Amino acid sequence: MKTYLDCTPCFFRQALSATRRAVEDPERQENIMRMVMEQLSQADYSKSPPHLARDMYRLIKTESGDVDPFKDIKHESNRLVEDLYPELKDIVAQSPNPLETAVKLAIAGNVIDFGANHAVSSVDIHRSIDEALHVSLGENAFDNFHISVSKARNVLYIGDNAGEIVFDRLLIEQLLPQNIVYAVRGFPVINDVTLEDAKEVGMDKIVEVIHNGLDAPGTVLVECSDSFMREYDKADLVIAKGQGNYETLNDEKKHIFFMMKVKCPVVSSDVGLPVNSMMLREIGAD
């Protein structure tokens, strides 16, 4: 998916949020923001939004000296959802269709996104959970997902955000004993999940966890590590969480199920769903 002019205000908002977290001095903040504006004025908008965001966040890290300005938020998000985990596990266990409920909760967890949202509270998370449990996933969407995962020999599950990873764990527990590899970002970017975050919630205890070698808030395949690409090529089914993964993988021929909350008008127009909708969508099926 290419970048649109309507993405520009979101880039500025994200850059300002990250810069203010990384440096306290207003003059340094202003200088960094001016550099971001100059960078974006020369950016190649045929590339995906996560590709451009990657370059922007690299600039902010270099100029601020803070390689992970959202580290505290990621830790807090993991802790918050881990506290909810027993309740969420009970919801899945008591459901007449545990797998479908786990899918809905996994999508509900995609609300924890500090790129698309200024802040996410426990109230926001509970609201997303309540809404998810009462929303249809769309005609045939879940049935196709159920059939596909039951047939898959190798599943690559590409995560999105810290905190959200606990919701992913609920779904993965329903998919086991399928052969599943969970992929995270290679380096910190926004509140996206890294190896450190995955280990913090014990994801590495139930499945193999790998990273993609990138610091982009998405999956830019042409720049991913060889080890990630081996798993990607081997997988006969990919589960990709969140808008960043959608924006970087939606034109691929691979068999992919996208799971996400629609968070902005640009993506809303692309997928044909209203903002705040839950989406389970399949591409690349034979």
C-alpha atoms as a PDB file:
ATOM      1  CA  MET A   1       0.000   0.000   0.000  1.00  0.00           C
ATOM      2  CA  LYS A   2       1.423   3.378  -0.973  1.00  0.00           C
ATOM      3  CA  THR A   3       1.500   6.440   1.259  1.00  0.00           C
ATOM      4  CA  TYR A   4      -1.129   9.143   0.707  1.00  0.00           C
ATOM      5  CA  LEU A   5      -0.965  12.856   1.427  1.00  0.00           C
ATOM      6  CA  ASP A   6      -3.617  12.283   4.093  1.00  0.00           C
ATOM      7  CA  CYS A   7      -0.986  10.247   5.988  1.00  0.00           C
ATOM      8  CA  THR A   8       1.146  13.360   6.519  1.00  0.00           C
ATOM      9  CA  PRO A   9      -0.695  14.772   9.573  1.00  0.00           C
ATOM     10  CA  CYS A  10      -0.379  11.358  11.236  1.00  0.00           C
ATOM     11  CA  PHE A  11       3.374  11.326  10.612  1.00  0.00           C
ATOM     12  CA  PHE A  12       3.687  14.765  12.212  1.00  0.00           C
ATOM     13  CA  ARG A  13       1.604  13.756  15.222  1.00  0.00           C
ATOM     14  CA  GLN A  14       3.625  10.570  15.726  1.00  0.00           C
ATOM     15  CA  ALA A  15       6.909  12.447  15.339  1.00  0.00           C
ATOM     16  CA  LEU A  16       5.889  15.066  17.891  1.00  0.00           C
ATOM     17  CA  SER A  17       4.782  12.416  20.388  1.00  0.00           C
ATOM     18  CA  ALA A  18       8.031  10.463  20.052  1.00  0.00           C
ATOM     19  CA  THR A  19      10.194  13.594  20.138  1.00  0.00           C
ATOM     20  CA  ARG A  20       8.555  14.881  23.302  1.00  0.00           C
ATOM     21  CA  ARG A  21       9.093  11.512  24.951  1.00  0.00           C
ATOM     22  CA  ALA A  22      12.724  11.389  23.840  1.00  0.00           C
ATOM     23  CA  VAL A  23      13.907  14.915  24.698  1.00  0.00           C
ATOM     24  CA  GLU A  24      12.769  17.553  27.189  1.00  0.00           C
ATOM     25  CA  ASP A  25      14.381  20.687  25.762  1.00  0.00           C
ATOM     26  CA  PRO A  26      11.856  22.620  23.597  1.00  0.00           C
ATOM     27  CA  GLU A  27      14.568  23.955  21.303  1.00  0.00           C
ATOM     28  CA  ARG A  28      15.852  20.448  20.565  1.00  0.00           C
ATOM     29  CA  GLN A  29      12.281  19.295  20.011  1.00  0.00           C
ATOM     30  CA  GLU A  30      11.772  22.075  17.478  1.00  0.00           C
ATOM     31  CA  ASN A  31      15.001  21.249  15.675  1.00  0.00           C
ATOM     32  CA  ILE A  32      14.080  17.574  15.396  1.00  0.00           C
ATOM     33  CA  MET A  33      10.599  18.393  14.129  1.00  0.00           C
ATOM     34  CA  ARG A  34      12.035  20.698  11.470  1.00  0.00           C
ATOM     35  CA  MET A  35      14.299  17.872  10.349  1.00  0.00           C
ATOM     36  CA  VAL A  36      11.308  15.509  10.214  1.00  0.00           C
ATOM     37  CA  MET A  37       9.384  17.985   8.064  1.00  0.00           C
ATOM     38  CA  GLU A  38      12.315  18.320   5.677  1.00  0.00           C
ATOM     39  CA  GLN A  39      12.680  14.551   5.480  1.00  0.00           C
ATOM     40  CA  LEU A  40       8.998  14.022   4.719  1.00  0.00           C
ATOM     41  CA  SER A  41       9.056  16.753   2.070  1.00  0.00           C
ATOM     42  CA  GLN A  42      11.562  14.631   0.135  1.00  0.00           C
ATOM     43  CA  ALA A  43      10.036  11.204   0.897  1.00  0.00           C
ATOM     44  CA  ASP A  44       8.988   8.725  -1.776  1.00  0.00           C
ATOM     45  CA  TYR A  45       5.223   8.427  -1.306  1.00  0.00           C
ATOM     46  CA  SER A  46       5.071   5.353  -3.518  1.00  0.00           C
ATOM     47  CA  LYS A  47       6.448   3.449  -0.519  1.00  0.00           C
ATOM     48  CA  SER A  48       4.238   2.215   2.312  1.00  0.00           C
ATOM     49  CA  PRO A  49       3.503   4.345   5.409  1.00  0.00           C
ATOM     50  CA  PRO A  50       5.559   2.025   7.684  1.00  0.00           C
ATOM     51  CA  HIS A  51       8.521   2.392   5.319  1.00  0.00           C
ATOM     52  CA  LEU A  52       8.426   6.188   5.614  1.00  0.00           C
ATOM     53  CA  ALA A  53       7.722   5.978   9.351  1.00  0.00           C
ATOM     54  CA  ARG A  54      10.807   3.791   9.769  1.00  0.00           C
ATOM     55  CA  ASP A  55      13.004   6.524   8.293  1.00  0.00           C
ATOM     56  CA  MET A  56      11.311   9.148  10.451  1.00  0.00           C
ATOM     57  CA  TYR A  57      11.800   7.222  13.676  1.00  0.00           C
ATOM     58  CA  ARG A  58      15.423   6.517  12.796  1.00  0.00           C
ATOM     59  CA  LEU A  59      15.988  10.263  12.493  1.00  0.00           C
ATOM     60  CA  ILE A  60      14.339  10.918  15.865  1.00  0.00           C
ATOM     61  CA  LYS A  61      16.402   8.181  17.550  1.00  0.00           C
ATOM     62  CA  THR A  62      19.639   9.496  16.061  1.00  0.00           C
ATOM     63  CA  GLU A  63      19.008  13.124  16.975  1.00  0.00           C
ATOM     64  CA  SER A  64      17.598  12.438  20.452  1.00  0.00           C
ATOM     65  CA  GLY A  65      19.907   9.607  21.490  1.00  0.00           C
ATOM     66  CA  ASP A  66      16.895   7.650  22.791  1.00  0.00           C
ATOM     67  CA  VAL A  67      16.545   4.361  20.900  1.00  0.00           C
ATOM     68  CA  ASP A  68      13.330   3.302  22.647  1.00  0.00           C
ATOM     69  CA  PRO A  69      11.243   6.291  23.843  1.00  0.00           C
ATOM     70  CA  PHE A  70       8.165   4.072  24.320  1.00  0.00           C
ATOM     71  CA  LYS A  71       9.886   1.432  26.455  1.00  0.00           C
ATOM     72  CA  ASP A  72       8.003   2.324  29.651  1.00  0.00           C
ATOM     73  CA  ILE A  73       4.676   2.323  27.811  1.00  0.00           C
ATOM     74  CA  LYS A  74       5.380  -1.113  26.349  1.00  0.00           C
ATOM     75  CA  HIS A  75       6.192  -2.533  29.775  1.00  0.00           C
ATOM     76  CA  GLU A  76       3.048  -0.950  31.228  1.00  0.00           C
ATOM     77  CA  SER A  77       0.893  -2.323  28.398  1.00  0.00           C
ATOM     78  CA  ASN A  78       2.236  -5.836  28.920  1.00  0.00           C
ATOM     79  CA  ARG A  79       1.598  -5.645  32.642  1.00  0.00           C
ATOM     80  CA  LEU A  80      -1.912  -4.248  32.163  1.00  0.00           C
ATOM     81  CA  VAL A  81      -3.042  -7.000  29.810  1.00  0.00           C
ATOM     82  CA  GLU A  82      -1.248  -9.742  31.762  1.00  0.00           C
ATOM     83  CA  ASP A  83      -3.399  -8.736  34.720  1.00  0.00           C
ATOM     84  CA  LEU A  84      -6.447  -9.277  32.475  1.00  0.00           C
ATOM     85  CA  TYR A  85      -5.186 -12.601  31.138  1.00  0.00           C
ATOM     86  CA  PRO A  86      -6.985 -14.907  33.634  1.00  0.00           C
ATOM     87  CA  GLU A  87     -10.290 -13.129  32.925  1.00  0.00           C
ATOM     88  CA  LEU A  88      -9.731 -13.291  29.162  1.00  0.00           C
ATOM     89  CA  LYS A  89      -8.804 -16.978  29.350  1.00  0.00           C
ATOM     90  CA  ASP A  90     -12.063 -17.675  31.193  1.00  0.00           C
ATOM     91  CA  ILE A  91     -14.033 -15.804  28.526  1.00  0.00           C
ATOM     92  CA  VAL A  92     -12.477 -18.026  25.853  1.00  0.00           C
ATOM     93  CA  ALA A  93     -12.943 -21.235  27.841  1.00  0.00           C
ATOM     94  CA  GLN A  94     -16.626 -20.530  28.561  1.00  0.00           C
ATOM     95  CA  SER A  95     -17.450 -19.525  24.996  1.00  0.00           C
ATOM     96  CA  PRO A  96     -19.509 -21.877  22.803  1.00  0.00           C
ATOM     97  CA  ASN A  97     -16.850 -21.305  20.129  1.00  0.00           C
ATOM     98  CA  PRO A  98     -13.497 -20.736  21.888  1.00  0.00           C
ATOM     99  CA  LEU A  99     -11.486 -20.272  18.675  1.00  0.00           C
ATOM    100  CA  GLU A 100     -13.806 -17.623  17.272  1.00  0.00           C
ATOM    101  CA  THR A 101     -13.831 -15.800  20.610  1.00  0.00           C
ATOM    102  CA  ALA A 102     -10.023 -15.915  20.733  1.00  0.00           C
ATOM    103  CA  VAL A 103      -9.885 -14.424  17.222  1.00  0.00           C
ATOM    104  CA  LYS A 104     -12.202 -11.611  18.275  1.00  0.00           C
ATOM    105  CA  LEU A 105     -10.142 -10.888  21.370  1.00  0.00           C
ATOM    106  CA  ALA A 106      -6.925 -10.914  19.341  1.00  0.00           C
ATOM    107  CA  ILE A 107      -8.415  -8.239  17.090  1.00  0.00           C
ATOM    108  CA  ALA A 108      -9.732  -6.309  20.101  1.00  0.00           C
ATOM    109  CA  GLY A 109      -6.170  -6.170  21.458  1.00  0.00           C
ATOM    110  CA  ASN A 110      -5.076  -4.252  18.359  1.00  0.00           C
ATOM    111  CA  VAL A 111      -6.479  -1.122  20.009  1.00  0.00           C
ATOM    112  CA  ILE A 112      -3.169  -0.865  21.923  1.00  0.00           C
ATOM    113  CA  ASP A 113      -1.401   1.235  19.291  1.00  0.00           C
ATOM    114  CA  PHE A 114       0.509   4.389  20.171  1.00  0.00           C
ATOM    115  CA  GLY A 115       1.166   5.137  16.512  1.00  0.00           C
ATOM    116  CA  ALA A 116      -2.504   5.484  15.646  1.00  0.00           C
ATOM    117  CA  ASN A 117      -3.664   6.599  19.112  1.00  0.00           C
ATOM    118  CA  HIS A 118      -2.401   9.308  21.451  1.00  0.00           C
ATOM    119  CA  ALA A 119      -2.996   7.091  24.488  1.00  0.00           C
ATOM    120  CA  VAL A 120      -4.728   3.853  25.385  1.00  0.00           C
ATOM    121  CA  SER A 121      -6.199   3.269  28.826  1.00  0.00           C
ATOM    122  CA  SER A 122      -7.634   0.237  30.577  1.00  0.00           C
ATOM    123  CA  VAL A 123     -11.069   1.709  29.846  1.00  0.00           C
ATOM    124  CA  ASP A 124     -10.266   1.713  26.114  1.00  0.00           C
ATOM    125  CA  ILE A 125      -9.126  -1.903  26.289  1.00  0.00           C
ATOM    126  CA  HIS A 126     -12.234  -3.062  28.159  1.00  0.00           C
ATOM    127  CA  ARG A 127     -14.452  -1.185  25.694  1.00  0.00           C
ATOM    128  CA  SER A 128     -12.681  -2.842  22.771  1.00  0.00           C
ATOM    129  CA  ILE A 129     -13.138  -6.270  24.382  1.00  0.00           C
ATOM    130  CA  ASP A 130     -16.857  -5.701  24.991  1.00  0.00           C
ATOM    131  CA  GLU A 131     -17.405  -4.496  21.447  1.00  0.00           C
ATOM    132  CA  ALA A 132     -15.456  -7.381  19.949  1.00  0.00           C
ATOM    133  CA  LEU A 133     -17.496 -10.038  21.694  1.00  0.00           C
ATOM    134  CA  HIS A 134     -20.709  -8.678  20.173  1.00  0.00           C
ATOM    135  CA  VAL A 135     -19.540  -8.055  16.601  1.00  0.00           C
ATOM    136  CA  SER A 136     -19.696 -10.410  13.631  1.00  0.00           C
ATOM    137  CA  LEU A 137     -16.394 -11.096  11.867  1.00  0.00           C
ATOM    138  CA  GLY A 138     -18.136 -10.986   8.506  1.00  0.00           C
ATOM    139  CA  GLU A 139     -19.701 -13.487   6.187  1.00  0.00           C
ATOM    140  CA  ASN A 140     -17.606 -16.674   5.970  1.00  0.00           C
ATOM    141  CA  ALA A 141     -14.508 -14.900   7.363  1.00  0.00           C
ATOM    142  CA  PHE A 142     -14.142 -17.022  10.479  1.00  0.00           C
ATOM    143  CA  ASP A 143     -15.141 -20.264   8.729  1.00  0.00           C
ATOM    144  CA  ASN A 144     -12.448 -19.689   6.111  1.00  0.00           C
ATOM    145  CA  PHE A 145      -9.928 -18.923   8.838  1.00  0.00           C
ATOM    146  CA  HIS A 146     -10.843 -22.068  10.778  1.00  0.00           C
ATOM    147  CA  ILE A 147     -10.503 -24.265   7.698  1.00  0.00           C
ATOM    148  CA  SER A 148      -7.223 -22.632   6.672  1.00  0.00           C
ATOM    149  CA  VAL A 149      -5.489 -23.016  10.031  1.00  0.00           C
ATOM    150  CA  SER A 150      -6.663 -26.614  10.358  1.00  0.00           C
ATOM    151  CA  LYS A 151      -5.023 -27.420   7.006  1.00  0.00           C
ATOM    152  CA  ALA A 152      -1.855 -25.382   7.472  1.00  0.00           C
ATOM    153  CA  ARG A 153       1.417 -27.210   8.085  1.00  0.00           C
ATOM    154  CA  ASN A 154       3.431 -24.101   9.036  1.00  0.00           C
ATOM    155  CA  VAL A 155       1.891 -20.902  10.385  1.00  0.00           C
ATOM    156  CA  LEU A 156       3.775 -17.623  10.691  1.00  0.00           C
ATOM    157  CA  TYR A 157       2.029 -15.259  13.119  1.00  0.00           C
ATOM    158  CA  ILE A 158       3.328 -11.679  12.755  1.00  0.00           C
ATOM    159  CA  GLY A 159       2.657  -9.624  15.877  1.00  0.00           C
ATOM    160  CA  ASP A 160       2.115  -5.895  16.187  1.00  0.00           C
ATOM    161  CA  ASN A 161       2.168  -4.170  19.574  1.00  0.00           C
ATOM    162  CA  ALA A 162       3.290  -4.782  23.151  1.00  0.00           C
ATOM    163  CA  GLY A 163       0.323  -5.562  25.389  1.00  0.00           C
ATOM    164  CA  GLU A 164      -1.543  -6.814  22.339  1.00  0.00           C
ATOM    165  CA  ILE A 165       0.812  -9.788  22.357  1.00  0.00           C
ATOM    166  CA  VAL A 166      -1.030 -11.171  25.407  1.00  0.00           C
ATOM    167  CA  PHE A 167      -4.216 -11.268  23.303  1.00  0.00           C
ATOM    168  CA  ASP A 168      -2.203 -13.029  20.581  1.00  0.00           C
ATOM    169  CA  ARG A 169      -1.163 -15.630  23.131  1.00  0.00           C
ATOM    170  CA  LEU A 170      -4.829 -16.442  23.802  1.00  0.00           C
ATOM    171  CA  LEU A 171      -5.364 -17.164  20.118  1.00  0.00           C
ATOM    172  CA  ILE A 172      -2.140 -19.125  19.716  1.00  0.00           C
ATOM    173  CA  GLU A 173      -3.117 -21.325  22.669  1.00  0.00           C
ATOM    174  CA  GLN A 174      -6.277 -22.212  20.729  1.00  0.00           C
ATOM    175  CA  LEU A 175      -4.281 -22.966  17.571  1.00  0.00           C
ATOM    176  CA  LEU A 176      -1.775 -25.308  19.204  1.00  0.00           C
ATOM    177  CA  PRO A 177      -0.464 -27.931  18.510  1.00  0.00           C
ATOM    178  CA  GLN A 178      -0.171 -26.393  15.041  1.00  0.00           C
ATOM    179  CA  ASN A 179       3.419 -25.560  14.049  1.00  0.00           C
ATOM    180  CA  ILE A 180       3.465 -21.817  14.761  1.00  0.00           C
ATOM    181  CA  VAL A 181       6.304 -19.302  14.667  1.00  0.00           C
ATOM    182  CA  TYR A 182       5.651 -15.873  16.185  1.00  0.00           C
ATOM    183  CA  ALA A 183       7.483 -12.928  14.594  1.00  0.00           C
ATOM    184  CA  VAL A 184       8.242  -9.548  16.167  1.00  0.00           C
ATOM    185  CA  ARG A 185      10.124  -6.394  15.145  1.00  0.00           C
ATOM    186  CA  GLY A 186      13.903  -6.541  15.097  1.00  0.00           C
ATOM    187  CA  PHE A 187      14.419  -3.235  16.916  1.00  0.00           C
ATOM    188  CA  PRO A 188      12.251  -0.830  18.945  1.00  0.00           C
ATOM    189  CA  VAL A 189       9.837   1.386  17.020  1.00  0.00           C
ATOM    190  CA  ILE A 190       6.821   3.079  18.657  1.00  0.00           C
ATOM    191  CA  ASN A 191       5.214   0.478  20.952  1.00  0.00           C
ATOM    192  CA  ASP A 192       5.663  -2.402  18.528  1.00  0.00           C
ATOM    193  CA  VAL A 193       6.539  -5.735  20.072  1.00  0.00           C
ATOM    194  CA  THR A 194      10.189  -6.862  20.198  1.00  0.00           C
ATOM    195  CA  LEU A 195      11.892 -10.009  21.489  1.00  0.00           C
ATOM    196  CA  GLU A 196      12.245  -8.411  24.910  1.00  0.00           C
ATOM    197  CA  ASP A 197       8.499  -7.712  25.071  1.00  0.00           C
ATOM    198  CA  ALA A 198       7.629 -11.214  23.861  1.00  0.00           C
ATOM    199  CA  LYS A 199       9.798 -12.824  26.509  1.00  0.00           C
ATOM    200  CA  GLU A 200       8.323 -10.557  29.170  1.00  0.00           C
ATOM    201  CA  VAL A 201       4.893 -12.154  28.656  1.00  0.00           C
ATOM    202  CA  GLY A 202       6.212 -15.687  28.147  1.00  0.00           C
ATOM    203  CA  MET A 203       5.395 -16.046  24.457  1.00  0.00           C
ATOM    204  CA  ASP A 204       8.731 -17.810  23.949  1.00  0.00           C
ATOM    205  CA  LYS A 205       7.594 -20.495  26.383  1.00  0.00           C
ATOM    206  CA  ILE A 206       4.794 -21.715  24.096  1.00  0.00           C
ATOM    207  CA  VAL A 207       6.061 -21.102  20.531  1.00  0.00           C
ATOM    208  CA  GLU A 208       9.273 -20.200  18.743  1.00  0.00           C
ATOM    209  CA  VAL A 209       9.721 -16.422  18.618  1.00  0.00           C
ATOM    210  CA  ILE A 210      11.822 -14.746  15.918  1.00  0.00           C
ATOM    211  CA  HIS A 211      12.415 -11.157  14.841  1.00  0.00           C
ATOM    212  CA  ASN A 212      12.312  -9.714  11.329  1.00  0.00           C
ATOM    213  CA  GLY A 213      15.538  -7.726  11.611  1.00  0.00           C
ATOM    214  CA  LEU A 214      13.759  -4.422  11.012  1.00  0.00           C
ATOM    215  CA  ASP A 215      12.930  -1.253  12.922  1.00  0.00           C
ATOM    216  CA  ALA A 216       9.876  -0.446  10.766  1.00  0.00           C
ATOM    217  CA  PRO A 217       6.329  -0.479  12.217  1.00  0.00           C
ATOM    218  CA  GLY A 218       5.356  -3.108   9.650  1.00  0.00           C
ATOM    219  CA  THR A 219       6.860  -5.899   7.544  1.00  0.00           C
ATOM    220  CA  VAL A 220       8.914  -4.494   4.656  1.00  0.00           C
ATOM    221  CA  LEU A 221       9.816  -7.820   3.062  1.00  0.00           C
ATOM    222  CA  VAL A 222      12.618  -6.543   0.828  1.00  0.00           C
ATOM    223  CA  GLU A 223      14.514  -5.468   3.958  1.00  0.00           C
ATOM    224  CA  CYS A 224      13.665  -8.315   6.344  1.00  0.00           C
ATOM    225  CA  SER A 225      16.394 -10.628   7.611  1.00  0.00           C
ATOM    226  CA  ASP A 226      17.239 -13.869   5.810  1.00  0.00           C
ATOM    227  CA  SER A 227      16.117 -15.884   8.841  1.00  0.00           C
ATOM    228  CA  PHE A 228      12.714 -14.204   8.834  1.00  0.00           C
ATOM    229  CA  MET A 229      12.310 -14.690   5.084  1.00  0.00           C
ATOM    230  CA  ARG A 230      13.047 -18.414   5.441  1.00  0.00           C
ATOM    231  CA  GLU A 231      10.120 -18.712   7.857  1.00  0.00           C
ATOM    232  CA  TYR A 232       7.940 -16.501   5.657  1.00  0.00           C
ATOM    233  CA  ASP A 233       8.665 -18.577   2.562  1.00  0.00           C
ATOM    234  CA  LYS A 234       8.160 -21.845   4.473  1.00  0.00           C
ATOM    235  CA  ALA A 235       4.790 -20.807   5.918  1.00  0.00           C
ATOM    236  CA  ASP A 236       1.714 -21.915   4.033  1.00  0.00           C
ATOM    237  CA  LEU A 237      -0.369 -19.522   6.125  1.00  0.00           C
ATOM    238  CA  VAL A 238       0.472 -16.113   7.588  1.00  0.00           C
ATOM    239  CA  ILE A 239      -1.526 -14.325  10.294  1.00  0.00           C
ATOM    240  CA  ALA A 240      -0.662 -10.626  10.248  1.00  0.00           C
ATOM    241  CA  LYS A 241      -1.806  -8.311  13.036  1.00  0.00           C
ATOM    242  CA  GLY A 242      -2.431  -4.586  12.748  1.00  0.00           C
ATOM    243  CA  GLN A 243      -2.466  -1.788  10.197  1.00  0.00           C
ATOM    244  CA  GLY A 244       1.302  -1.634   9.760  1.00  0.00           C
ATOM    245  CA  ASN A 245       1.449  -5.250   8.653  1.00  0.00           C
ATOM    246  CA  TYR A 246      -1.568  -4.703   6.414  1.00  0.00           C
ATOM    247  CA  GLU A 247      -0.011  -1.634   4.790  1.00  0.00           C
ATOM    248  CA  THR A 248       3.188  -3.539   3.972  1.00  0.00           C
ATOM    249  CA  LEU A 249       1.744  -6.952   3.028  1.00  0.00           C
ATOM    250  CA  ASN A 250      -1.656  -6.303   1.446  1.00  0.00           C
ATOM    251  CA  ASP A 251      -0.321  -6.569  -2.117  1.00  0.00           C
ATOM    252  CA  GLU A 252       1.508  -9.871  -1.555  1.00  0.00           C
ATOM    253  CA  LYS A 253       0.468 -13.152  -3.201  1.00  0.00           C
ATOM    254  CA  LYS A 254       0.994 -15.095   0.017  1.00  0.00           C
ATOM    255  CA  HIS A 255      -1.940 -16.721   1.818  1.00  0.00           C
ATOM    256  CA  ILE A 256      -2.477 -14.194   4.622  1.00  0.00           C
ATOM    257  CA  PHE A 257      -5.209 -13.468   7.141  1.00  0.00           C
ATOM    258  CA  PHE A 258      -5.129  -9.860   8.330  1.00  0.00           C
ATOM    259  CA  MET A 259      -6.509  -9.162  11.803  1.00  0.00           C
ATOM    260  CA  MET A 260      -6.842  -5.547  12.888  1.00  0.00           C
ATOM    261  CA  LYS A 261      -8.883  -2.607  14.023  1.00  0.00           C
ATOM    262  CA  VAL A 262      -9.369  -0.036  11.262  1.00  0.00           C
ATOM    263  CA  LYS A 263      -7.869   3.120  12.768  1.00  0.00           C
ATOM    264  CA  CYS A 264      -7.689   5.820  10.111  1.00  0.00           C
ATOM    265  CA  PRO A 265      -9.638   7.145   7.105  1.00  0.00           C
ATOM    266  CA  VAL A 266      -6.878   6.174   4.644  1.00  0.00           C
ATOM    267  CA  VAL A 267      -6.974   2.492   5.586  1.00  0.00           C
ATOM    268  CA  SER A 268     -10.760   2.681   5.960  1.00  0.00           C
ATOM    269  CA  SER A 269     -11.027   3.743   2.324  1.00  0.00           C
ATOM    270  CA  ASP A 270      -8.609   1.031   1.222  1.00  0.00           C
ATOM    271  CA  VAL A 271     -10.407  -1.843   2.971  1.00  0.00           C
ATOM    272  CA  GLY A 272     -13.960  -0.508   2.552  1.00  0.00           C
ATOM    273  CA  LEU A 273     -14.802  -0.580   6.257  1.00  0.00           C
ATOM    274  CA  PRO A 274     -15.603   2.266   8.680  1.00  0.00           C
ATOM    275  CA  VAL A 275     -12.988   3.546  11.105  1.00  0.00           C
ATOM    276  CA  ASN A 276     -13.012   1.491  14.350  1.00  0.00           C
ATOM    277  CA  SER A 277     -14.264  -1.621  12.536  1.00  0.00           C
ATOM    278  CA  MET A 278     -12.822  -5.042  13.329  1.00  0.00           C
ATOM    279  CA  MET A 279     -11.361  -6.774  10.307  1.00  0.00           C
ATOM    280  CA  LEU A 280     -10.555 -10.403   9.559  1.00  0.00           C
ATOM    281  CA  ARG A 281      -9.659 -10.570   5.881  1.00  0.00           C
ATOM    282  CA  GLU A 282      -8.019 -13.201   3.714  1.00  0.00           C
ATOM    283  CA  ILE A 283      -5.801 -12.748   0.651  1.00  0.00           C
ATOM    284  CA  GLY A 284      -3.878 -15.190  -1.501  1.00  0.00           C
ATOM    285  CA  ALA A 285      -6.092 -18.227  -0.959  1.00  0.00           C
ATOM    286  CA  ASP A 286      -5.840 -20.911  -3.669  1.00  0.00           C
END
